[in-house]
Amino acid sequence: MLAPQIFKANDIRGLVTGPAPEWDLAGARALGLAHGQLSGPGTAVVVAHDMRPTGPALLDQFVTGLTAQGVDVVRAGLCSTDQLWFASGFLDRPGVQLTASHNPADYNGVKFCQRAAQPVSPDFLVRLAQLAQAFDQGQAPAPSGVATGTVSRRDLLGDYVDYLHRLAPVDPRRRLKVVVDAGNGMGGQTAPAVLAGLNVELIGLYLDLDGSFPNHQPNPLAPENLVDAQQAVVRHGADLALVFDGDADRCFVIDERGQVVSPSAITALIAVEQLAREPGAVIVINTITSDTVRQVVAQRGGRVVESRVGHTYVKAAMAEQGAVFGGEHSAHYYFRDFWGADTGMLAGLHVLAQLSHSRSPLSELVAPYSRLAGSGEINSTVADADATMAAVAAAFAGRGQAHWGDGLKLVGDGWWFSLRPSNTEPLLRLNVEAAAPWRMAALRDEVLSLVRQKETL
């Protein structure tokens, strides 16, 4: 079974347990058959899964489909998504990660990359969906005349750790006290391994891998999922906290006061460091990254390129522009030195490295990069996202310049707001920014009142 709605703009994601599953083991095998046919016999793919209980069985079936098409498979075992991107780059072959990222426990999904962790195209995902559904419904011929592909296993965690340490050296002379909240996700495997070789006192929260997420949901974009780490930083007198999502490709940062540091501020902080190494380099942001990043990059002599929201789009922009670094509001951070892929752990290491070379607390390091007032992301469920965005655009006619490349972005004098459909959930997402907090609040409330006139119950 492969319900059409599991095929998203950037990946696959859907329910696998409960009363109404959207894909199953047979669907996973069909996906493997489709991916294998698109790859071609004799190619090789590296695959991995996260800590969700359904992952191993789904991946077994996916691999069965791949090998039936003559594809050789390297199984990297239990991995974070950025560890799979590393495996793809390190081994120079396409990669497949079984994960549903920050979604609840009854979901699972698949993320894909080309060799060397390069993004797949939207066209690839369309063709994969069509072919997989054909196999699932018995409308595509079974493979014949090809030798079954081989399967091998390789543990790459040590190589991953060594590589990250080379990219972001942390000064051993300053001991740092670091809270890590893995939310029972894959950060519980990668973060202790990476921090073990550093002058760091690790205070772990929910490091045990448990895909049922018994403590809080693995989505650091939701403020309630950051509270435990915020409290732990203050209670332990820690220098900062790193909070990872379920598959640990995203990392939120909390300062020594227990305050959440905006991902845009982290983007600016890392961009400054990258521009010091490579003056004039390109930094990629998305349509809802704070304008502070534009200001900072321009002041440091760099150039900003704007992408649509979503890792596939940002990775494509990174490759097209030869960008040195990219950052999104959702705490995805992309590095050219990491094959242009996103890695929350490397972003966290860069923050630790800058802090270790400074005598200042983190709040002072990031203060210059928090210049504007932002609403954060506010979600609403509406019956018709397109109609709602059109109604908001009509209400704001003449008050700013409308852009429709990634939902609706309306830019005025010293302010902007973005209203866009989620790529993975039935939500309309609002972000507002303005120079003055009162203006941001007024715009936020005005747009929300329009949106929620059409909100579904």
Foldseek 3Di string as FASTA:
>chain_A
DAAPVQQFQFWGKWFEDDDDGRDYLLLLLLLLLLVLVVVAAPAEEEEEEKLQPRTPSSVVSSLVNNQQRNYAYEYQYHAFPLVQLLVQQVVQAKYKYWANWQDARRMIIIGIAGHNSFGDDSVSSVSSSVRSVCVSVVNDDGDPDYHGYHYHYDHCLVVVLVLLCVVFPADQPDAFEEEEEALLAPCLPNVCVNCVVHSYHYDYHNSHRDSNSPPDGQQVLDVVVLVVVLVVLQVVQGLKYWRAGRSQLFTWIAGSNSHTDFQLLLLQLVLLVQCVVPPQFEEEEEPQRDCLSVVSQVVRRYHYDYWHDDQNTQLVVCVVRVGQKYTYRSRFIAGVSSSRGTGNSSSVSNLSRVVSVDPDGSCVSSVSSPQKDKDRKDKFAFPDLLVLLVVLCVVCPPAADWDPPARTWGDHDFKIKHWHADRRDRIIIIMIIGRDNVVRVVVVVVSVVSNVVRGDD
